Amino acid sequence: MMARGASPADELKPASDRYALHYGVEWRMVRAGIVRSTWTPAPGDGYQADLHMESAGLVSKLFRVNDDYRAQLSKQLCGSSVLFKAEEGKRIRETNVTFDRTSGKVSYLERDLIKNNVVLAKELQVPDCTFEYLGALHHLRNLKLNAGQSVTVPITDGKKFAQVKVEAQEREQIKTPAGTFQTMRYEVHLFNGVIIPKSARMFVWISEDARRLPVQLRLRMQFLIGTITLQLEKEEQL
């Protein structure tokens, strides 16, 4: 669904640059990890988006995380495939998500690499152009919503599909290690069983300059877990 004031060009305009965004992760007032997001044109007519997540410091001693997520996207940012390799605690999993736009289906295959068995295999019916997480974030960056406007975005993780509501809430000035930015704060209704079953609220701050950078992301989770914040530390041209 398109918000009032947004044109198709706004929604489908992809970035052509090769770049990396580096984030620091904070949890309970300590540095909990690093996240590196890269964006490159893929061979043919599309894009490749990568995300590396790594725990740090005390958090890494308590629960080590070393995840790599790679998405192949069409020129319109629709999902083509996802490869997710996750090392979390004592678990090592590999997940493949494949989009078949001809049949309108997405298939999910998760394997336990330690036990060498299939954890879950599933197939879903989805709309012709459905986003995975990184394509959906980039799609949001291309939208220019005013406070009070909202859109729904078709998103799947391969296990579940939903039209996810995204609300533009308020303009805020955000200071990060990468600089001070005038931003719009969005709430993305991805949790609480919409796609992800965990109870949480997700907020994304996107700069209102030409780069439309996601300068801060925040998960407000249950009290025992607390709040996790990602702040932009560096923008790198590749």
C-alpha atoms as a PDB file:
ATOM      1  CA  MET A   1       0.000   0.000   0.000  1.00  0.00           C
ATOM      2  CA  MET A   2       1.317   3.445  -0.903  1.00  0.00           C
ATOM      3  CA  ALA A   3       1.154   6.344   1.492  1.00  0.00           C
ATOM      4  CA  ARG A   4      -0.392   9.589   0.381  1.00  0.00           C
ATOM      5  CA  GLY A   5       2.312  11.848  -0.978  1.00  0.00           C
ATOM      6  CA  ALA A   6       4.594   8.979  -2.035  1.00  0.00           C
ATOM      7  CA  SER A   7       5.027   8.233  -5.722  1.00  0.00           C
ATOM      8  CA  PRO A   8       5.963   4.901  -7.347  1.00  0.00           C
ATOM      9  CA  ALA A   9       9.375   6.401  -8.129  1.00  0.00           C
ATOM     10  CA  ASP A  10       9.861   7.088  -4.420  1.00  0.00           C
ATOM     11  CA  GLU A  11       8.954   3.519  -3.528  1.00  0.00           C
ATOM     12  CA  LEU A  12      10.980   1.665  -6.142  1.00  0.00           C
ATOM     13  CA  LYS A  13      14.037   3.839  -6.578  1.00  0.00           C
ATOM     14  CA  PRO A  14      17.069   1.700  -5.565  1.00  0.00           C
ATOM     15  CA  ALA A  15      20.517   2.913  -4.582  1.00  0.00           C
ATOM     16  CA  SER A  16      23.319   2.352  -7.093  1.00  0.00           C
ATOM     17  CA  ASP A  17      26.313   2.986  -4.832  1.00  0.00           C
ATOM     18  CA  ARG A  18      28.523   0.385  -3.207  1.00  0.00           C
ATOM     19  CA  TYR A  19      28.742   1.167   0.489  1.00  0.00           C
ATOM     20  CA  ALA A  20      28.988  -0.223   4.002  1.00  0.00           C
ATOM     21  CA  LEU A  21      27.355   1.063   7.159  1.00  0.00           C
ATOM     22  CA  HIS A  22      29.007   0.230  10.496  1.00  0.00           C
ATOM     23  CA  TYR A  23      26.973   0.174  13.717  1.00  0.00           C
ATOM     24  CA  GLY A  24      27.773  -0.212  17.378  1.00  0.00           C
ATOM     25  CA  VAL A  25      25.348  -2.243  19.483  1.00  0.00           C
ATOM     26  CA  GLU A  26      24.460  -1.174  23.028  1.00  0.00           C
ATOM     27  CA  TRP A  27      22.603  -3.307  25.575  1.00  0.00           C
ATOM     28  CA  ARG A  28      22.142  -2.369  29.228  1.00  0.00           C
ATOM     29  CA  MET A  29      24.600   0.528  28.910  1.00  0.00           C
ATOM     30  CA  VAL A  30      27.467  -1.648  27.626  1.00  0.00           C
ATOM     31  CA  ARG A  31      28.862  -2.259  24.158  1.00  0.00           C
ATOM     32  CA  ALA A  32      27.308  -5.552  23.121  1.00  0.00           C
ATOM     33  CA  GLY A  33      28.521  -6.000  19.552  1.00  0.00           C
ATOM     34  CA  ILE A  34      29.024  -4.669  16.044  1.00  0.00           C
ATOM     35  CA  VAL A  35      26.924  -4.798  12.901  1.00  0.00           C
ATOM     36  CA  ARG A  36      28.166  -4.202   9.353  1.00  0.00           C
ATOM     37  CA  SER A  37      25.684  -3.746   6.506  1.00  0.00           C
ATOM     38  CA  THR A  38      26.884  -3.669   2.884  1.00  0.00           C
ATOM     39  CA  TRP A  39      25.063  -2.931  -0.354  1.00  0.00           C
ATOM     40  CA  THR A  40      26.420  -3.743  -3.824  1.00  0.00           C
ATOM     41  CA  PRO A  41      24.997  -4.145  -7.334  1.00  0.00           C
ATOM     42  CA  ALA A  42      24.738  -7.852  -8.136  1.00  0.00           C
ATOM     43  CA  PRO A  43      25.681  -9.484 -11.450  1.00  0.00           C
ATOM     44  CA  GLY A  44      22.794  -9.066 -13.838  1.00  0.00           C
ATOM     45  CA  ASP A  45      19.999  -6.724 -12.846  1.00  0.00           C
ATOM     46  CA  GLY A  46      19.686  -6.556  -9.089  1.00  0.00           C
ATOM     47  CA  TYR A  47      21.427  -6.043  -5.756  1.00  0.00           C
ATOM     48  CA  GLN A  48      23.190  -7.928  -3.003  1.00  0.00           C
ATOM     49  CA  ALA A  49      22.707  -6.919   0.622  1.00  0.00           C
ATOM     50  CA  ASP A  50      24.890  -8.370   3.390  1.00  0.00           C
ATOM     51  CA  LEU A  51      24.664  -8.106   7.153  1.00  0.00           C
ATOM     52  CA  HIS A  52      27.317  -9.290   9.600  1.00  0.00           C
ATOM     53  CA  MET A  53      26.445  -9.368  13.323  1.00  0.00           C
ATOM     54  CA  GLU A  54      29.043 -10.102  15.979  1.00  0.00           C
ATOM     55  CA  SER A  55      28.828  -9.962  19.770  1.00  0.00           C
ATOM     56  CA  ALA A  56      31.548  -8.240  21.796  1.00  0.00           C
ATOM     57  CA  GLY A  57      32.947  -7.919  25.308  1.00  0.00           C
ATOM     58  CA  LEU A  58      31.055  -9.397  28.244  1.00  0.00           C
ATOM     59  CA  VAL A  59      28.040 -10.201  26.073  1.00  0.00           C
ATOM     60  CA  SER A  60      30.198 -12.381  23.847  1.00  0.00           C
ATOM     61  CA  LYS A  61      31.351 -14.342  26.905  1.00  0.00           C
ATOM     62  CA  LEU A  62      27.757 -14.850  28.018  1.00  0.00           C
ATOM     63  CA  PHE A  63      26.285 -15.654  24.601  1.00  0.00           C
ATOM     64  CA  ARG A  64      28.496 -15.555  21.501  1.00  0.00           C
ATOM     65  CA  VAL A  65      26.897 -14.374  18.255  1.00  0.00           C
ATOM     66  CA  ASN A  66      28.553 -14.550  14.848  1.00  0.00           C
ATOM     67  CA  ASP A  67      25.890 -14.264  12.133  1.00  0.00           C
ATOM     68  CA  ASP A  68      26.089 -13.638   8.388  1.00  0.00           C
ATOM     69  CA  TYR A  69      22.965 -12.810   6.394  1.00  0.00           C
ATOM     70  CA  ARG A  70      23.071 -12.400   2.597  1.00  0.00           C
ATOM     71  CA  ALA A  71      20.102 -11.407   0.431  1.00  0.00           C
ATOM     72  CA  GLN A  72      19.883 -11.333  -3.361  1.00  0.00           C
ATOM     73  CA  LEU A  73      17.340  -8.765  -4.530  1.00  0.00           C
ATOM     74  CA  SER A  74      15.688  -7.756  -7.773  1.00  0.00           C
ATOM     75  CA  LYS A  75      16.025  -4.239  -9.156  1.00  0.00           C
ATOM     76  CA  GLN A  76      12.732  -3.417  -7.416  1.00  0.00           C
ATOM     77  CA  LEU A  77      14.219  -4.759  -4.120  1.00  0.00           C
ATOM     78  CA  CYS A  78      11.955  -7.839  -4.100  1.00  0.00           C
ATOM     79  CA  GLY A  79      13.517 -10.889  -2.487  1.00  0.00           C
ATOM     80  CA  SER A  80      15.205 -13.491  -4.710  1.00  0.00           C
ATOM     81  CA  SER A  81      17.114 -15.558  -2.153  1.00  0.00           C
ATOM     82  CA  VAL A  82      18.525 -15.444   1.370  1.00  0.00           C
ATOM     83  CA  LEU A  83      21.426 -17.347   2.907  1.00  0.00           C
ATOM     84  CA  PHE A  84      21.674 -16.984   6.692  1.00  0.00           C
ATOM     85  CA  LYS A  85      24.530 -18.597   8.632  1.00  0.00           C
ATOM     86  CA  ALA A  86      24.067 -18.247  12.381  1.00  0.00           C
ATOM     87  CA  GLU A  87      26.464 -19.151  15.176  1.00  0.00           C
ATOM     88  CA  GLU A  88      24.606 -18.316  18.381  1.00  0.00           C
ATOM     89  CA  GLY A  89      25.702 -19.834  21.668  1.00  0.00           C
ATOM     90  CA  LYS A  90      26.191 -23.550  21.042  1.00  0.00           C
ATOM     91  CA  ARG A  91      23.980 -23.572  17.951  1.00  0.00           C
ATOM     92  CA  ILE A  92      25.204 -23.421  14.359  1.00  0.00           C
ATOM     93  CA  ARG A  93      22.408 -23.155  11.799  1.00  0.00           C
ATOM     94  CA  GLU A  94      22.205 -22.494   8.069  1.00  0.00           C
ATOM     95  CA  THR A  95      18.992 -21.222   6.518  1.00  0.00           C
ATOM     96  CA  ASN A  96      18.111 -20.888   2.833  1.00  0.00           C
ATOM     97  CA  VAL A  97      15.081 -18.905   1.670  1.00  0.00           C
ATOM     98  CA  THR A  98      14.223 -19.055  -2.038  1.00  0.00           C
ATOM     99  CA  PHE A  99      11.644 -16.873  -3.783  1.00  0.00           C
ATOM    100  CA  ASP A 100       9.881 -18.190  -6.899  1.00  0.00           C
ATOM    101  CA  ARG A 101       8.093 -15.208  -8.397  1.00  0.00           C
ATOM    102  CA  THR A 102       6.639 -17.314 -11.222  1.00  0.00           C
ATOM    103  CA  SER A 103       4.659 -19.512  -8.842  1.00  0.00           C
ATOM    104  CA  GLY A 104       4.323 -16.864  -6.123  1.00  0.00           C
ATOM    105  CA  LYS A 105       5.933 -19.099  -3.513  1.00  0.00           C
ATOM    106  CA  VAL A 106       8.783 -18.851  -1.049  1.00  0.00           C
ATOM    107  CA  SER A 107      10.547 -21.925   0.346  1.00  0.00           C
ATOM    108  CA  TYR A 108      12.368 -22.142   3.687  1.00  0.00           C
ATOM    109  CA  LEU A 109      14.990 -24.708   4.658  1.00  0.00           C
ATOM    110  CA  GLU A 110      16.829 -24.553   7.998  1.00  0.00           C
ATOM    111  CA  ARG A 111      19.560 -27.036   8.876  1.00  0.00           C
ATOM    112  CA  ASP A 112      21.394 -27.763  12.123  1.00  0.00           C
ATOM    113  CA  LEU A 113      25.041 -27.975  11.037  1.00  0.00           C
ATOM    114  CA  ILE A 114      26.155 -29.683  14.252  1.00  0.00           C
ATOM    115  CA  LYS A 115      23.549 -32.461  14.190  1.00  0.00           C
ATOM    116  CA  ASN A 116      23.455 -32.462  10.362  1.00  0.00           C
ATOM    117  CA  ASN A 117      19.683 -32.572  10.173  1.00  0.00           C
ATOM    118  CA  VAL A 118      16.790 -30.483   8.896  1.00  0.00           C
ATOM    119  CA  VAL A 119      15.229 -28.295  11.586  1.00  0.00           C
ATOM    120  CA  LEU A 120      12.390 -26.931   9.455  1.00  0.00           C
ATOM    121  CA  ALA A 121      11.271 -27.058   5.825  1.00  0.00           C
ATOM    122  CA  LYS A 122       8.313 -24.932   4.760  1.00  0.00           C
ATOM    123  CA  GLU A 123       6.671 -23.329   1.724  1.00  0.00           C
ATOM    124  CA  LEU A 124       4.449 -20.237   1.651  1.00  0.00           C
ATOM    125  CA  GLN A 125       2.293 -18.475  -0.924  1.00  0.00           C
ATOM    126  CA  VAL A 126       3.351 -14.794  -1.175  1.00  0.00           C
ATOM    127  CA  PRO A 127       2.653 -11.794  -3.443  1.00  0.00           C
ATOM    128  CA  ASP A 128       4.720 -11.339  -6.593  1.00  0.00           C
ATOM    129  CA  CYS A 129       7.041  -8.756  -5.019  1.00  0.00           C
ATOM    130  CA  THR A 130       7.709  -9.623  -1.388  1.00  0.00           C
ATOM    131  CA  PHE A 131      10.575  -8.223   0.685  1.00  0.00           C
ATOM    132  CA  GLU A 132      12.947  -9.913   3.084  1.00  0.00           C
ATOM    133  CA  TYR A 133      14.402  -7.837   5.931  1.00  0.00           C
ATOM    134  CA  LEU A 134      17.192  -5.889   4.190  1.00  0.00           C
ATOM    135  CA  GLY A 135      15.171  -5.187   1.043  1.00  0.00           C
ATOM    136  CA  ALA A 136      12.317  -3.958   3.245  1.00  0.00           C
ATOM    137  CA  LEU A 137      14.652  -1.599   5.133  1.00  0.00           C
ATOM    138  CA  HIS A 138      15.989  -0.179   1.880  1.00  0.00           C
ATOM    139  CA  HIS A 139      12.435   0.181   0.588  1.00  0.00           C
ATOM    140  CA  LEU A 140      11.606   2.185   3.715  1.00  0.00           C
ATOM    141  CA  ARG A 141      14.586   4.442   3.063  1.00  0.00           C
ATOM    142  CA  ASN A 142      13.154   5.272  -0.355  1.00  0.00           C
ATOM    143  CA  LEU A 143       9.817   6.313   1.106  1.00  0.00           C
ATOM    144  CA  LYS A 144       9.383   9.882   2.295  1.00  0.00           C
ATOM    145  CA  LEU A 145       6.531   9.878   4.772  1.00  0.00           C
ATOM    146  CA  ASN A 146       5.313  12.737   6.892  1.00  0.00           C
ATOM    147  CA  ALA A 147       4.585  12.289  10.584  1.00  0.00           C
ATOM    148  CA  GLY A 148       1.269  10.488  10.965  1.00  0.00           C
ATOM    149  CA  GLN A 149       1.458   8.680   7.624  1.00  0.00           C
ATOM    150  CA  SER A 150       1.796   4.917   7.384  1.00  0.00           C
ATOM    151  CA  VAL A 151       2.275   2.171   4.820  1.00  0.00           C
ATOM    152  CA  THR A 152       2.031  -1.603   4.792  1.00  0.00           C
ATOM    153  CA  VAL A 153       4.973  -3.552   3.386  1.00  0.00           C
ATOM    154  CA  PRO A 154       4.795  -7.229   2.268  1.00  0.00           C
ATOM    155  CA  ILE A 155       7.539  -9.038   4.228  1.00  0.00           C
ATOM    156  CA  THR A 156       8.459 -12.672   4.784  1.00  0.00           C
ATOM    157  CA  ASP A 157      11.189 -14.501   6.673  1.00  0.00           C
ATOM    158  CA  GLY A 158      10.302 -17.682   4.779  1.00  0.00           C
ATOM    159  CA  LYS A 159       8.349 -19.071   7.735  1.00  0.00           C
ATOM    160  CA  LYS A 160       5.628 -16.449   7.915  1.00  0.00           C
ATOM    161  CA  PHE A 161       4.233 -13.695   5.673  1.00  0.00           C
ATOM    162  CA  ALA A 162       2.528 -10.450   6.684  1.00  0.00           C
ATOM    163  CA  GLN A 163       1.630  -7.014   5.438  1.00  0.00           C
ATOM    164  CA  VAL A 164       3.746  -5.176   8.008  1.00  0.00           C
ATOM    165  CA  LYS A 165       2.596  -1.742   9.116  1.00  0.00           C
ATOM    166  CA  VAL A 166       5.205   1.015   9.189  1.00  0.00           C
ATOM    167  CA  GLU A 167       4.328   4.321  10.870  1.00  0.00           C
ATOM    168  CA  ALA A 168       6.153   7.645  10.518  1.00  0.00           C
ATOM    169  CA  GLN A 169       5.896   9.091  14.025  1.00  0.00           C
ATOM    170  CA  GLU A 170       8.038  12.144  14.744  1.00  0.00           C
ATOM    171  CA  ARG A 171      10.995  14.201  13.543  1.00  0.00           C
ATOM    172  CA  GLU A 172      13.963  14.009  15.915  1.00  0.00           C
ATOM    173  CA  GLN A 173      17.577  15.126  16.023  1.00  0.00           C
ATOM    174  CA  ILE A 174      19.777  12.084  16.649  1.00  0.00           C
ATOM    175  CA  LYS A 175      23.445  12.257  17.642  1.00  0.00           C
ATOM    176  CA  THR A 176      25.594   9.233  16.793  1.00  0.00           C
ATOM    177  CA  PRO A 177      29.370   8.611  16.501  1.00  0.00           C
ATOM    178  CA  ALA A 178      28.925   9.260  12.750  1.00  0.00           C
ATOM    179  CA  GLY A 179      27.468  12.723  13.322  1.00  0.00           C
ATOM    180  CA  THR A 180      24.269  14.553  14.186  1.00  0.00           C
ATOM    181  CA  PHE A 181      21.266  13.955  11.938  1.00  0.00           C
ATOM    182  CA  GLN A 182      17.789  15.342  11.456  1.00  0.00           C
ATOM    183  CA  THR A 183      15.639  12.229  11.220  1.00  0.00           C
ATOM    184  CA  MET A 184      12.163  10.791  11.011  1.00  0.00           C
ATOM    185  CA  ARG A 185      11.368   8.093  13.558  1.00  0.00           C
ATOM    186  CA  TYR A 186       9.438   5.109  12.222  1.00  0.00           C
ATOM    187  CA  GLU A 187       7.856   2.243  14.133  1.00  0.00           C
ATOM    188  CA  VAL A 188       7.948  -1.076  12.293  1.00  0.00           C
ATOM    189  CA  HIS A 189       5.315  -3.529  13.545  1.00  0.00           C
ATOM    190  CA  LEU A 190       7.361  -6.660  12.868  1.00  0.00           C
ATOM    191  CA  PHE A 191       7.233  -8.336  16.293  1.00  0.00           C
ATOM    192  CA  ASN A 192       4.483  -9.670  18.571  1.00  0.00           C
ATOM    193  CA  GLY A 193       3.597 -12.496  16.207  1.00  0.00           C
ATOM    194  CA  VAL A 194       3.306 -10.372  13.054  1.00  0.00           C
ATOM    195  CA  ILE A 195       6.460 -11.988  11.624  1.00  0.00           C
ATOM    196  CA  ILE A 196       8.671 -12.468  14.682  1.00  0.00           C
ATOM    197  CA  PRO A 197       6.906 -14.102  17.658  1.00  0.00           C
ATOM    198  CA  LYS A 198       8.934 -12.312  20.367  1.00  0.00           C
ATOM    199  CA  SER A 199       7.302  -9.467  22.262  1.00  0.00           C
ATOM    200  CA  ALA A 200       9.024  -6.214  21.259  1.00  0.00           C
ATOM    201  CA  ARG A 201       8.693  -2.840  19.573  1.00  0.00           C
ATOM    202  CA  MET A 202      11.038  -1.814  16.752  1.00  0.00           C
ATOM    203  CA  PHE A 203      11.957   1.769  15.869  1.00  0.00           C
ATOM    204  CA  VAL A 204      14.110   3.051  12.997  1.00  0.00           C
ATOM    205  CA  TRP A 205      15.461   6.608  12.650  1.00  0.00           C
ATOM    206  CA  ILE A 206      16.176   7.589   9.032  1.00  0.00           C
ATOM    207  CA  SER A 207      18.039  10.773   8.146  1.00  0.00           C
ATOM    208  CA  GLU A 208      16.103  13.341   6.144  1.00  0.00           C
ATOM    209  CA  ASP A 209      19.020  14.274   3.905  1.00  0.00           C
ATOM    210  CA  ALA A 210      19.576  12.896   0.393  1.00  0.00           C
ATOM    211  CA  ARG A 211      21.324   9.750   1.713  1.00  0.00           C
ATOM    212  CA  ARG A 212      18.331   8.623   3.802  1.00  0.00           C
ATOM    213  CA  LEU A 213      20.605   6.732   6.200  1.00  0.00           C
ATOM    214  CA  PRO A 214      19.215   4.461   8.927  1.00  0.00           C
ATOM    215  CA  VAL A 215      21.241   6.146  11.669  1.00  0.00           C
ATOM    216  CA  GLN A 216      19.655   4.403  14.650  1.00  0.00           C
ATOM    217  CA  LEU A 217      17.624   1.245  15.259  1.00  0.00           C
ATOM    218  CA  ARG A 218      16.119   0.257  18.600  1.00  0.00           C
ATOM    219  CA  LEU A 219      14.378  -2.837  19.941  1.00  0.00           C
ATOM    220  CA  ARG A 220      12.388  -2.383  23.130  1.00  0.00           C
ATOM    221  CA  MET A 221      11.943  -5.906  24.430  1.00  0.00           C
ATOM    222  CA  GLN A 222      10.506  -7.454  27.565  1.00  0.00           C
ATOM    223  CA  PHE A 223      11.778  -6.051  30.868  1.00  0.00           C
ATOM    224  CA  LEU A 224      14.116  -8.971  31.586  1.00  0.00           C
ATOM    225  CA  ILE A 225      15.865  -8.458  28.238  1.00  0.00           C
ATOM    226  CA  GLY A 226      15.652  -4.681  28.010  1.00  0.00           C
ATOM    227  CA  THR A 227      16.467  -2.348  25.117  1.00  0.00           C
ATOM    228  CA  ILE A 228      18.961  -2.990  22.311  1.00  0.00           C
ATOM    229  CA  THR A 229      20.179   0.041  20.330  1.00  0.00           C
ATOM    230  CA  LEU A 230      22.209   0.179  17.119  1.00  0.00           C
ATOM    231  CA  GLN A 231      23.866   3.509  16.273  1.00  0.00           C
ATOM    232  CA  LEU A 232      25.642   4.398  13.055  1.00  0.00           C
ATOM    233  CA  GLU A 233      29.395   4.799  13.637  1.00  0.00           C
ATOM    234  CA  LYS A 234      30.787   5.016  10.106  1.00  0.00           C
ATOM    235  CA  GLU A 235      29.688   5.182   6.481  1.00  0.00           C
ATOM    236  CA  GLU A 236      32.161   3.635   4.032  1.00  0.00           C
ATOM    237  CA  GLN A 237      32.221   3.747   0.236  1.00  0.00           C
ATOM    238  CA  LEU A 238      33.367   0.440  -1.268  1.00  0.00           C
END
